[in-house]
PDB file of all heavy atoms in Angstrom:
ATOM      1  N   ALA A   1      -5.962 -20.390   9.748  1.00  0.00           N
ATOM      2  CA  ALA A   1      -4.725 -19.793   9.504  1.00  0.00           C
ATOM      3  C   ALA A   1      -4.372 -19.637   8.040  1.00  0.00           C
ATOM      4  O   ALA A   1      -3.940 -18.553   7.631  1.00  0.00           O
ATOM      5  CB  ALA A   1      -3.593 -20.492  10.292  1.00  0.00           C
ATOM      6  N   ALA A   2      -4.628 -20.595   7.266  1.00  0.00           N
ATOM      7  CA  ALA A   2      -4.472 -20.484   5.833  1.00  0.00           C
ATOM      8  C   ALA A   2      -5.360 -19.505   5.271  1.00  0.00           C
ATOM      9  O   ALA A   2      -4.930 -18.721   4.355  1.00  0.00           O
ATOM     10  CB  ALA A   2      -4.647 -21.885   5.194  1.00  0.00           C
ATOM     11  N   ASN A   3      -6.653 -19.536   5.648  1.00  0.00           N
ATOM     12  CA  ASN A   3      -7.554 -18.441   5.164  1.00  0.00           C
ATOM     13  C   ASN A   3      -7.121 -17.053   5.477  1.00  0.00           C
ATOM     14  O   ASN A   3      -7.335 -16.167   4.705  1.00  0.00           O
ATOM     15  CB  ASN A   3      -8.906 -18.807   5.532  1.00  0.00           C
ATOM     16  CG  ASN A   3      -9.616 -19.987   4.839  1.00  0.00           C
ATOM     17  OD1 ASN A   3      -9.134 -20.402   3.889  1.00  0.00           O
ATOM     18  ND2 ASN A   3     -10.643 -20.683   5.519  1.00  0.00           N
ATOM     19  N   GLU A   4      -6.724 -16.886   6.749  1.00  0.00           N
ATOM     20  CA  GLU A   4      -6.167 -15.564   7.137  1.00  0.00           C
ATOM     21  C   GLU A   4      -5.090 -15.090   6.320  1.00  0.00           C
ATOM     22  O   GLU A   4      -5.111 -13.958   5.986  1.00  0.00           O
ATOM     23  CB  GLU A   4      -5.782 -15.640   8.601  1.00  0.00           C
ATOM     24  CG  GLU A   4      -5.159 -14.356   9.138  1.00  0.00           C
ATOM     25  CD  GLU A   4      -4.569 -14.420  10.537  1.00  0.00           C
ATOM     26  OE1 GLU A   4      -4.160 -15.527  10.932  1.00  0.00           O
ATOM     27  OE2 GLU A   4      -4.562 -13.364  11.078  1.00  0.00           O
ATOM     28  N   ALA A   5      -4.119 -15.992   6.151  1.00  0.00           N
ATOM     29  CA  ALA A   5      -2.952 -15.597   5.314  1.00  0.00           C
ATOM     30  C   ALA A   5      -3.319 -15.290   3.942  1.00  0.00           C
ATOM     31  O   ALA A   5      -2.877 -14.273   3.432  1.00  0.00           O
ATOM     32  CB  ALA A   5      -1.855 -16.615   5.300  1.00  0.00           C
ATOM     33  N   LYS A   6      -4.160 -16.075   3.334  1.00  0.00           N
ATOM     34  CA  LYS A   6      -4.671 -15.870   1.849  1.00  0.00           C
ATOM     35  C   LYS A   6      -5.389 -14.539   1.799  1.00  0.00           C
ATOM     36  O   LYS A   6      -5.150 -13.818   0.880  1.00  0.00           O
ATOM     37  CB  LYS A   6      -5.493 -16.963   1.508  1.00  0.00           C
ATOM     38  CG  LYS A   6      -6.052 -16.823   0.081  1.00  0.00           C
ATOM     39  CD  LYS A   6      -6.969 -18.106  -0.186  1.00  0.00           C
ATOM     40  CE  LYS A   6      -7.520 -17.933  -1.637  1.00  0.00           C
ATOM     41  NZ  LYS A   6      -8.553 -18.898  -1.897  1.00  0.00           N
ATOM     42  N   ASP A   7      -6.191 -14.256   2.751  1.00  0.00           N
ATOM     43  CA  ASP A   7      -7.031 -13.124   2.722  1.00  0.00           C
ATOM     44  C   ASP A   7      -6.135 -11.797   2.971  1.00  0.00           C
ATOM     45  O   ASP A   7      -6.241 -10.878   2.290  1.00  0.00           O
ATOM     46  CB  ASP A   7      -8.168 -13.090   3.898  1.00  0.00           C
ATOM     47  CG  ASP A   7      -9.208 -12.066   3.615  1.00  0.00           C
ATOM     48  OD1 ASP A   7      -9.948 -12.269   2.574  1.00  0.00           O
ATOM     49  OD2 ASP A   7      -9.309 -11.141   4.514  1.00  0.00           O
ATOM     50  N   ASN A   8      -5.120 -12.016   3.829  1.00  0.00           N
ATOM     51  CA  ASN A   8      -4.280 -10.829   4.153  1.00  0.00           C
ATOM     52  C   ASN A   8      -3.425 -10.450   2.856  1.00  0.00           C
ATOM     53  O   ASN A   8      -3.181  -9.301   2.599  1.00  0.00           O
ATOM     54  CB  ASN A   8      -3.424 -10.951   5.280  1.00  0.00           C
ATOM     55  CG  ASN A   8      -4.213 -11.063   6.651  1.00  0.00           C
ATOM     56  OD1 ASN A   8      -5.277 -10.445   6.688  1.00  0.00           O
ATOM     57  ND2 ASN A   8      -3.622 -11.493   7.799  1.00  0.00           N
ATOM     58  N   VAL A   9      -2.988 -11.598   2.256  1.00  0.00           N
ATOM     59  CA  VAL A   9      -2.105 -11.392   1.025  1.00  0.00           C
ATOM     60  C   VAL A   9      -2.938 -10.558   0.052  1.00  0.00           C
ATOM     61  O   VAL A   9      -2.487  -9.704  -0.662  1.00  0.00           O
ATOM     62  CB  VAL A   9      -1.588 -12.729   0.477  1.00  0.00           C
ATOM     63  CG1 VAL A   9      -1.055 -12.585  -0.920  1.00  0.00           C
ATOM     64  CG2 VAL A   9      -0.532 -13.274   1.360  1.00  0.00           C
ATOM     65  N   ARG A  10      -4.232 -11.075  -0.159  1.00  0.00           N
ATOM     66  CA  ARG A  10      -5.035 -10.395  -1.010  1.00  0.00           C
ATOM     67  C   ARG A  10      -5.282  -8.917  -0.876  1.00  0.00           C
ATOM     68  O   ARG A  10      -5.165  -8.024  -1.800  1.00  0.00           O
ATOM     69  CB  ARG A  10      -6.467 -11.195  -1.187  1.00  0.00           C
ATOM     70  CG  ARG A  10      -7.437 -10.696  -2.156  1.00  0.00           C
ATOM     71  CD  ARG A  10      -8.591 -11.498  -2.176  1.00  0.00           C
ATOM     72  NE  ARG A  10      -9.391 -11.728  -1.105  1.00  0.00           N
ATOM     73  CZ  ARG A  10     -10.376 -11.076  -0.615  1.00  0.00           C
ATOM     74  NH1 ARG A  10     -11.062 -10.255  -1.516  1.00  0.00           N
ATOM     75  NH2 ARG A  10     -11.074 -11.214   0.441  1.00  0.00           N
ATOM     76  N   TYR A  11      -5.413  -8.665   0.401  1.00  0.00           N
ATOM     77  CA  TYR A  11      -5.701  -7.194   0.722  1.00  0.00           C
ATOM     78  C   TYR A  11      -4.302  -6.441   0.733  1.00  0.00           C
ATOM     79  O   TYR A  11      -4.353  -5.276   0.119  1.00  0.00           O
ATOM     80  CB  TYR A  11      -6.302  -7.070   2.204  1.00  0.00           C
ATOM     81  CG  TYR A  11      -7.757  -7.178   2.126  1.00  0.00           C
ATOM     82  CD1 TYR A  11      -8.294  -8.402   2.595  1.00  0.00           C
ATOM     83  CD2 TYR A  11      -8.671  -6.173   1.753  1.00  0.00           C
ATOM     84  CE1 TYR A  11      -9.671  -8.649   2.431  1.00  0.00           C
ATOM     85  CE2 TYR A  11      -9.929  -6.222   1.780  1.00  0.00           C
ATOM     86  CZ  TYR A  11     -10.526  -7.511   2.209  1.00  0.00           C
ATOM     87  OH  TYR A  11     -11.896  -7.664   2.133  1.00  0.00           O
ATOM     88  N   LEU A  12      -3.219  -7.003   1.117  1.00  0.00           N
ATOM     89  CA  LEU A  12      -1.995  -6.300   1.003  1.00  0.00           C
ATOM     90  C   LEU A  12      -1.537  -6.014  -0.398  1.00  0.00           C
ATOM     91  O   LEU A  12      -0.743  -5.161  -0.782  1.00  0.00           O
ATOM     92  CB  LEU A  12      -0.975  -7.088   1.735  1.00  0.00           C
ATOM     93  CG  LEU A  12      -1.169  -6.944   3.296  1.00  0.00           C
ATOM     94  CD1 LEU A  12      -0.142  -7.887   3.990  1.00  0.00           C
ATOM     95  CD2 LEU A  12      -0.889  -5.410   3.813  1.00  0.00           C
ATOM     96  N   TYR A  13      -1.841  -7.002  -1.307  1.00  0.00           N
ATOM     97  CA  TYR A  13      -1.662  -6.748  -2.741  1.00  0.00           C
ATOM     98  C   TYR A  13      -2.233  -5.341  -3.269  1.00  0.00           C
ATOM     99  O   TYR A  13      -1.722  -4.806  -4.166  1.00  0.00           O
ATOM    100  CB  TYR A  13      -2.028  -7.887  -3.643  1.00  0.00           C
ATOM    101  CG  TYR A  13      -0.947  -8.929  -3.886  1.00  0.00           C
ATOM    102  CD1 TYR A  13      -0.917 -10.157  -3.545  1.00  0.00           C
ATOM    103  CD2 TYR A  13       0.266  -8.444  -4.529  1.00  0.00           C
ATOM    104  CE1 TYR A  13      -0.004 -11.032  -3.960  1.00  0.00           C
ATOM    105  CE2 TYR A  13       1.234  -9.334  -4.861  1.00  0.00           C
ATOM    106  CZ  TYR A  13       1.104 -10.619  -4.534  1.00  0.00           C
ATOM    107  OH  TYR A  13       2.232 -11.494  -4.844  1.00  0.00           O
ATOM    108  N   THR A  14      -3.366  -4.857  -2.687  1.00  0.00           N
ATOM    109  CA  THR A  14      -3.829  -3.701  -3.111  1.00  0.00           C
ATOM    110  C   THR A  14      -2.857  -2.622  -2.700  1.00  0.00           C
ATOM    111  O   THR A  14      -3.007  -1.448  -3.280  1.00  0.00           O
ATOM    112  CB  THR A  14      -5.225  -3.467  -2.491  1.00  0.00           C
ATOM    113  OG1 THR A  14      -5.101  -3.358  -0.969  1.00  0.00           O
ATOM    114  CG2 THR A  14      -6.170  -4.573  -2.923  1.00  0.00           C
ATOM    115  N   LEU A  15      -2.009  -2.719  -1.837  1.00  0.00           N
ATOM    116  CA  LEU A  15      -1.042  -1.677  -1.381  1.00  0.00           C
ATOM    117  C   LEU A  15       0.267  -1.837  -2.209  1.00  0.00           C
ATOM    118  O   LEU A  15       1.187  -0.982  -2.289  1.00  0.00           O
ATOM    119  CB  LEU A  15      -0.805  -1.849   0.088  1.00  0.00           C
ATOM    120  CG  LEU A  15      -1.784  -1.380   1.093  1.00  0.00           C
ATOM    121  CD1 LEU A  15      -1.374  -1.700   2.519  1.00  0.00           C
ATOM    122  CD2 LEU A  15      -2.280   0.124   0.897  1.00  0.00           C
ATOM    123  N   ASP A  16       0.520  -2.969  -2.792  1.00  0.00           N
ATOM    124  CA  ASP A  16       1.700  -3.236  -3.518  1.00  0.00           C
ATOM    125  C   ASP A  16       2.169  -2.215  -4.498  1.00  0.00           C
ATOM    126  O   ASP A  16       3.211  -1.876  -4.654  1.00  0.00           O
ATOM    127  CB  ASP A  16       1.686  -4.648  -4.111  1.00  0.00           C
ATOM    128  CG  ASP A  16       3.040  -5.140  -4.498  1.00  0.00           C
ATOM    129  OD1 ASP A  16       3.992  -4.927  -3.713  1.00  0.00           O
ATOM    130  OD2 ASP A  16       3.123  -5.802  -5.494  1.00  0.00           O
ATOM    131  N   LYS A  17       1.103  -1.596  -5.238  1.00  0.00           N
ATOM    132  CA  LYS A  17       1.342  -0.658  -6.131  1.00  0.00           C
ATOM    133  C   LYS A  17       2.022   0.719  -5.691  1.00  0.00           C
ATOM    134  O   LYS A  17       2.534   1.526  -6.317  1.00  0.00           O
ATOM    135  CB  LYS A  17       0.052  -0.340  -6.955  1.00  0.00           C
ATOM    136  CG  LYS A  17      -1.072   0.358  -6.144  1.00  0.00           C
ATOM    137  CD  LYS A  17      -2.275   0.497  -7.021  1.00  0.00           C
ATOM    138  CE  LYS A  17      -3.426   1.048  -6.064  1.00  0.00           C
ATOM    139  NZ  LYS A  17      -4.705   0.802  -6.745  1.00  0.00           N
ATOM    140  N   TYR A  18       1.782   0.913  -4.323  1.00  0.00           N
ATOM    141  CA  TYR A  18       2.350   2.047  -3.726  1.00  0.00           C
ATOM    142  C   TYR A  18       3.838   1.703  -3.084  1.00  0.00           C
ATOM    143  O   TYR A  18       4.649   2.706  -3.042  1.00  0.00           O
ATOM    144  CB  TYR A  18       1.489   2.389  -2.422  1.00  0.00           C
ATOM    145  CG  TYR A  18       0.199   2.741  -2.877  1.00  0.00           C
ATOM    146  CD1 TYR A  18      -1.052   1.928  -2.570  1.00  0.00           C
ATOM    147  CD2 TYR A  18      -0.135   4.079  -3.414  1.00  0.00           C
ATOM    148  CE1 TYR A  18      -2.197   2.283  -2.965  1.00  0.00           C
ATOM    149  CE2 TYR A  18      -1.415   4.394  -3.730  1.00  0.00           C
ATOM    150  CZ  TYR A  18      -2.448   3.482  -3.541  1.00  0.00           C
ATOM    151  OH  TYR A  18      -3.758   3.826  -3.901  1.00  0.00           O
ATOM    152  N   PHE A  19       4.163   0.508  -2.967  1.00  0.00           N
ATOM    153  CA  PHE A  19       5.413   0.161  -2.220  1.00  0.00           C
ATOM    154  C   PHE A  19       6.619   0.558  -3.031  1.00  0.00           C
ATOM    155  O   PHE A  19       7.587   1.105  -2.549  1.00  0.00           O
ATOM    156  CB  PHE A  19       5.468  -1.179  -1.780  1.00  0.00           C
ATOM    157  CG  PHE A  19       4.369  -1.659  -0.635  1.00  0.00           C
ATOM    158  CD1 PHE A  19       4.160  -2.941  -0.538  1.00  0.00           C
ATOM    159  CD2 PHE A  19       3.742  -0.667   0.068  1.00  0.00           C
ATOM    160  CE1 PHE A  19       3.233  -3.263   0.367  1.00  0.00           C
ATOM    161  CE2 PHE A  19       2.864  -1.058   1.023  1.00  0.00           C
ATOM    162  CZ  PHE A  19       2.503  -2.446   1.180  1.00  0.00           C
ATOM    163  N   GLY A  20       6.618   0.152  -4.387  1.00  0.00           N
ATOM    164  CA  GLY A  20       7.762   0.414  -5.188  1.00  0.00           C
ATOM    165  C   GLY A  20       7.971   1.980  -5.337  1.00  0.00           C
ATOM    166  O   GLY A  20       9.073   2.533  -5.077  1.00  0.00           O
ATOM    167  N   PRO A  21       6.820   2.786  -5.714  1.00  0.00           N
ATOM    168  CA  PRO A  21       7.051   4.088  -5.922  1.00  0.00           C
ATOM    169  C   PRO A  21       7.404   4.822  -4.635  1.00  0.00           C
ATOM    170  O   PRO A  21       8.158   5.830  -4.519  1.00  0.00           O
ATOM    171  CB  PRO A  21       5.671   4.636  -6.420  1.00  0.00           C
ATOM    172  CG  PRO A  21       5.180   3.389  -7.073  1.00  0.00           C
ATOM    173  CD  PRO A  21       5.688   2.194  -6.364  1.00  0.00           C
ATOM    174  N   LEU A  22       6.838   4.331  -3.489  1.00  0.00           N
ATOM    175  CA  LEU A  22       7.248   4.865  -2.249  1.00  0.00           C
ATOM    176  C   LEU A  22       8.563   4.780  -1.935  1.00  0.00           C
ATOM    177  O   LEU A  22       9.395   5.683  -1.443  1.00  0.00           O
ATOM    178  CB  LEU A  22       6.368   4.321  -1.102  1.00  0.00           C
ATOM    179  CG  LEU A  22       6.486   4.959   0.289  1.00  0.00           C
ATOM    180  CD1 LEU A  22       5.959   6.359   0.233  1.00  0.00           C
ATOM    181  CD2 LEU A  22       5.679   4.033   1.162  1.00  0.00           C
ATOM    182  N   ALA A  23       9.225   3.547  -2.161  1.00  0.00           N
ATOM    183  CA  ALA A  23      10.631   3.319  -1.961  1.00  0.00           C
ATOM    184  C   ALA A  23      11.578   4.306  -2.779  1.00  0.00           C
ATOM    185  O   ALA A  23      12.678   4.592  -2.400  1.00  0.00           O
ATOM    186  CB  ALA A  23      11.000   1.858  -2.183  1.00  0.00           C
ATOM    187  N   GLN A  24      11.041   4.704  -3.895  1.00  0.00           N
ATOM    188  CA  GLN A  24      11.855   5.556  -4.944  1.00  0.00           C
ATOM    189  C   GLN A  24      11.509   7.056  -4.759  1.00  0.00           C
ATOM    190  O   GLN A  24      12.134   7.770  -5.483  1.00  0.00           O
ATOM    191  CB  GLN A  24      11.611   5.006  -6.382  1.00  0.00           C
ATOM    192  CG  GLN A  24      11.849   3.442  -6.684  1.00  0.00           C
ATOM    193  CD  GLN A  24      13.200   3.133  -6.230  1.00  0.00           C
ATOM    194  OE1 GLN A  24      14.244   3.770  -6.600  1.00  0.00           O
ATOM    195  NE2 GLN A  24      13.334   2.038  -5.599  1.00  0.00           N
ATOM    196  N   ALA A  25      10.724   7.325  -3.898  1.00  0.00           N
ATOM    197  CA  ALA A  25      10.149   8.698  -3.877  1.00  0.00           C
ATOM    198  C   ALA A  25      11.118   9.655  -3.116  1.00  0.00           C
ATOM    199  O   ALA A  25      11.965   9.345  -2.533  1.00  0.00           O
ATOM    200  CB  ALA A  25       8.767   8.792  -3.234  1.00  0.00           C
ATOM    201  N   SER A  26      10.844  11.020  -3.386  1.00  0.00           N
ATOM    202  CA  SER A  26      11.514  11.955  -2.738  1.00  0.00           C
ATOM    203  C   SER A  26      10.523  12.487  -1.695  1.00  0.00           C
ATOM    204  O   SER A  26       9.286  12.116  -1.820  1.00  0.00           O
ATOM    205  CB  SER A  26      11.881  13.198  -3.676  1.00  0.00           C
ATOM    206  OG  SER A  26      10.680  13.860  -3.983  1.00  0.00           O
ATOM    207  N   PRO A  27      10.912  13.216  -0.594  1.00  0.00           N
ATOM    208  CA  PRO A  27       9.903  13.697   0.311  1.00  0.00           C
ATOM    209  C   PRO A  27       8.706  14.457  -0.433  1.00  0.00           C
ATOM    210  O   PRO A  27       7.556  14.350   0.018  1.00  0.00           O
ATOM    211  CB  PRO A  27      10.727  14.676   1.213  1.00  0.00           C
ATOM    212  CG  PRO A  27      12.096  14.236   1.166  1.00  0.00           C
ATOM    213  CD  PRO A  27      12.217  13.652  -0.210  1.00  0.00           C
ATOM    214  N   VAL A  28       9.051  15.154  -1.441  1.00  0.00           N
ATOM    215  CA  VAL A  28       7.852  15.906  -2.090  1.00  0.00           C
ATOM    216  C   VAL A  28       7.020  14.924  -2.785  1.00  0.00           C
ATOM    217  O   VAL A  28       5.729  15.069  -2.676  1.00  0.00           O
ATOM    218  CB  VAL A  28       8.450  16.912  -3.120  1.00  0.00           C
ATOM    219  CG1 VAL A  28       7.381  17.573  -3.861  1.00  0.00           C
ATOM    220  CG2 VAL A  28       9.250  17.976  -2.424  1.00  0.00           C
ATOM    221  N   THR A  29       7.477  13.950  -3.540  1.00  0.00           N
ATOM    222  CA  THR A  29       6.678  13.059  -4.302  1.00  0.00           C
ATOM    223  C   THR A  29       5.943  12.132  -3.422  1.00  0.00           C
ATOM    224  O   THR A  29       4.877  11.640  -3.704  1.00  0.00           O
ATOM    225  CB  THR A  29       7.398  12.324  -5.470  1.00  0.00           C
ATOM    226  OG1 THR A  29       8.538  11.610  -4.816  1.00  0.00           O
ATOM    227  CG2 THR A  29       8.011  13.221  -6.590  1.00  0.00           C
ATOM    228  N   MET A  30       6.598  11.736  -2.303  1.00  0.00           N
ATOM    229  CA  MET A  30       6.048  10.862  -1.265  1.00  0.00           C
ATOM    230  C   MET A  30       4.821  11.548  -0.748  1.00  0.00           C
ATOM    231  O   MET A  30       3.799  10.880  -0.575  1.00  0.00           O
ATOM    232  CB  MET A  30       7.042  10.772  -0.073  1.00  0.00           C
ATOM    233  CG  MET A  30       6.561  10.010   1.037  1.00  0.00           C
ATOM    234  SD  MET A  30       7.665   9.832   2.479  1.00  0.00           S
ATOM    235  CE  MET A  30       7.930  11.420   2.929  1.00  0.00           C
ATOM    236  N   MET A  31       4.805  12.840  -0.473  1.00  0.00           N
ATOM    237  CA  MET A  31       3.540  13.554  -0.010  1.00  0.00           C
ATOM    238  C   MET A  31       2.363  13.430  -0.983  1.00  0.00           C
ATOM    239  O   MET A  31       1.211  13.432  -0.569  1.00  0.00           O
ATOM    240  CB  MET A  31       3.808  14.895   0.367  1.00  0.00           C
ATOM    241  CG  MET A  31       4.723  15.146   1.643  1.00  0.00           C
ATOM    242  SD  MET A  31       4.306  14.028   3.095  1.00  0.00           S
ATOM    243  CE  MET A  31       2.670  14.694   3.434  1.00  0.00           C
ATOM    244  N   GLU A  32       2.673  13.339  -2.224  1.00  0.00           N
ATOM    245  CA  GLU A  32       1.592  13.125  -3.214  1.00  0.00           C
ATOM    246  C   GLU A  32       0.967  11.730  -3.119  1.00  0.00           C
ATOM    247  O   GLU A  32      -0.274  11.475  -3.439  1.00  0.00           O
ATOM    248  CB  GLU A  32       2.082  13.280  -4.612  1.00  0.00           C
ATOM    249  CG  GLU A  32       2.679  14.780  -4.898  1.00  0.00           C
ATOM    250  CD  GLU A  32       3.504  14.891  -6.165  1.00  0.00           C
ATOM    251  OE1 GLU A  32       3.693  13.815  -6.915  1.00  0.00           O
ATOM    252  OE2 GLU A  32       4.042  16.058  -6.398  1.00  0.00           O
ATOM    253  N   GLN A  33       1.722  10.781  -2.677  1.00  0.00           N
ATOM    254  CA  GLN A  33       1.164   9.376  -2.579  1.00  0.00           C
ATOM    255  C   GLN A  33       0.517   9.121  -1.320  1.00  0.00           C
ATOM    256  O   GLN A  33      -0.316   8.176  -1.310  1.00  0.00           O
ATOM    257  CB  GLN A  33       2.339   8.447  -2.820  1.00  0.00           C
ATOM    258  CG  GLN A  33       3.065   8.518  -4.155  1.00  0.00           C
ATOM    259  CD  GLN A  33       4.338   7.736  -4.215  1.00  0.00           C
ATOM    260  OE1 GLN A  33       4.477   6.744  -3.262  1.00  0.00           O
ATOM    261  NE2 GLN A  33       5.104   7.912  -5.099  1.00  0.00           N
ATOM    262  N   VAL A  34       0.712   9.771  -0.401  1.00  0.00           N
ATOM    263  CA  VAL A  34       0.273   9.502   1.014  1.00  0.00           C
ATOM    264  C   VAL A  34      -1.276   9.463   1.114  1.00  0.00           C
ATOM    265  O   VAL A  34      -1.767   8.466   1.664  1.00  0.00           O
ATOM    266  CB  VAL A  34       0.926  10.396   2.154  1.00  0.00           C
ATOM    267  CG1 VAL A  34       0.218  10.213   3.403  1.00  0.00           C
ATOM    268  CG2 VAL A  34       2.402  10.201   2.236  1.00  0.00           C
ATOM    269  N   PRO A  35      -1.998  10.443   0.604  1.00  0.00           N
ATOM    270  CA  PRO A  35      -3.507  10.321   0.826  1.00  0.00           C
ATOM    271  C   PRO A  35      -4.086   9.040   0.087  1.00  0.00           C
ATOM    272  O   PRO A  35      -4.910   8.429   0.730  1.00  0.00           O
ATOM    273  CB  PRO A  35      -3.942  11.641   0.035  1.00  0.00           C
ATOM    274  CG  PRO A  35      -2.786  12.598   0.042  1.00  0.00           C
ATOM    275  CD  PRO A  35      -1.560  11.649  -0.110  1.00  0.00           C
ATOM    276  N   SER A  36      -3.720   8.690  -1.101  1.00  0.00           N
ATOM    277  CA  SER A  36      -4.347   7.413  -1.659  1.00  0.00           C
ATOM    278  C   SER A  36      -3.810   6.168  -0.990  1.00  0.00           C
ATOM    279  O   SER A  36      -4.547   5.349  -0.768  1.00  0.00           O
ATOM    280  CB  SER A  36      -3.925   7.358  -3.237  1.00  0.00           C
ATOM    281  OG  SER A  36      -2.621   7.533  -3.512  1.00  0.00           O
ATOM    282  N   LEU A  37      -2.519   6.216  -0.514  1.00  0.00           N
ATOM    283  CA  LEU A  37      -2.018   5.198   0.292  1.00  0.00           C
ATOM    284  C   LEU A  37      -2.869   4.954   1.632  1.00  0.00           C
ATOM    285  O   LEU A  37      -3.348   3.918   1.873  1.00  0.00           O
ATOM    286  CB  LEU A  37      -0.524   5.313   0.619  1.00  0.00           C
ATOM    287  CG  LEU A  37       0.125   4.369   1.543  1.00  0.00           C
ATOM    288  CD1 LEU A  37       0.159   2.955   1.051  1.00  0.00           C
ATOM    289  CD2 LEU A  37       1.523   4.803   1.931  1.00  0.00           C
ATOM    290  N   MET A  38      -3.217   6.084   2.260  1.00  0.00           N
ATOM    291  CA  MET A  38      -3.868   5.984   3.418  1.00  0.00           C
ATOM    292  C   MET A  38      -5.369   5.612   3.132  1.00  0.00           C
ATOM    293  O   MET A  38      -5.877   4.896   4.042  1.00  0.00           O
ATOM    294  CB  MET A  38      -3.845   7.348   4.161  1.00  0.00           C
ATOM    295  CG  MET A  38      -2.392   7.647   4.877  1.00  0.00           C
ATOM    296  SD  MET A  38      -1.896   6.393   6.116  1.00  0.00           S
ATOM    297  CE  MET A  38      -0.627   5.471   5.310  1.00  0.00           C
ATOM    298  N   ASN A  39      -5.934   5.996   2.121  1.00  0.00           N
ATOM    299  CA  ASN A  39      -7.200   5.638   1.839  1.00  0.00           C
ATOM    300  C   ASN A  39      -7.293   4.204   1.600  1.00  0.00           C
ATOM    301  O   ASN A  39      -8.308   3.453   1.999  1.00  0.00           O
ATOM    302  CB  ASN A  39      -7.787   6.366   0.553  1.00  0.00           C
ATOM    303  CG  ASN A  39      -8.178   7.780   0.781  1.00  0.00           C
ATOM    304  OD1 ASN A  39      -8.604   8.138   1.913  1.00  0.00           O
ATOM    305  ND2 ASN A  39      -8.206   8.610  -0.195  1.00  0.00           N
ATOM    306  N   THR A  40      -6.302   3.574   0.955  1.00  0.00           N
ATOM    307  CA  THR A  40      -6.272   2.080   0.718  1.00  0.00           C
ATOM    308  C   THR A  40      -6.158   1.380   2.099  1.00  0.00           C
ATOM    309  O   THR A  40      -6.639   0.326   2.300  1.00  0.00           O
ATOM    310  CB  THR A  40      -5.164   1.707  -0.197  1.00  0.00           C
ATOM    311  OG1 THR A  40      -5.418   2.527  -1.388  1.00  0.00           O
ATOM    312  CG2 THR A  40      -5.295   0.280  -0.567  1.00  0.00           C
ATOM    313  N   VAL A  41      -5.333   1.937   2.879  1.00  0.00           N
ATOM    314  CA  VAL A  41      -5.042   1.308   4.271  1.00  0.00           C
ATOM    315  C   VAL A  41      -6.369   1.291   5.054  1.00  0.00           C
ATOM    316  O   VAL A  41      -6.767   0.282   5.658  1.00  0.00           O
ATOM    317  CB  VAL A  41      -3.876   1.959   5.020  1.00  0.00           C
ATOM    318  CG1 VAL A  41      -3.942   1.531   6.611  1.00  0.00           C
ATOM    319  CG2 VAL A  41      -2.622   1.812   4.468  1.00  0.00           C
ATOM    320  N   CYS A  42      -7.137   2.446   4.976  1.00  0.00           N
ATOM    321  CA  CYS A  42      -8.330   2.555   5.607  1.00  0.00           C
ATOM    322  C   CYS A  42      -9.334   1.521   5.068  1.00  0.00           C
ATOM    323  O   CYS A  42     -10.128   0.897   5.828  1.00  0.00           O
ATOM    324  CB  CYS A  42      -8.943   3.888   5.440  1.00  0.00           C
ATOM    325  SG  CYS A  42     -10.474   4.207   6.312  1.00  0.00           S
ATOM    326  N   MET A  43      -9.405   1.470   3.717  1.00  0.00           N
ATOM    327  CA  MET A  43     -10.258   0.324   3.115  1.00  0.00           C
ATOM    328  C   MET A  43     -10.022  -1.025   3.641  1.00  0.00           C
ATOM    329  O   MET A  43     -10.815  -1.806   3.991  1.00  0.00           O
ATOM    330  CB  MET A  43     -10.117   0.446   1.548  1.00  0.00           C
ATOM    331  CG  MET A  43     -10.856  -0.463   0.701  1.00  0.00           C
ATOM    332  SD  MET A  43     -10.286  -2.158   0.413  1.00  0.00           S
ATOM    333  CE  MET A  43      -8.762  -1.959  -0.205  1.00  0.00           C
TER     334      MET A  43
END
């Protein structure tokens, strides 16, 4: 369980750079971020 949590935190931190800008985005700027966000989710 500890290894799972540690690993998940490590992977989710790769998405962290999208979370702040996504929260501040407009629908137009949000659409610019979606492809790279989804690529990271896929990774």
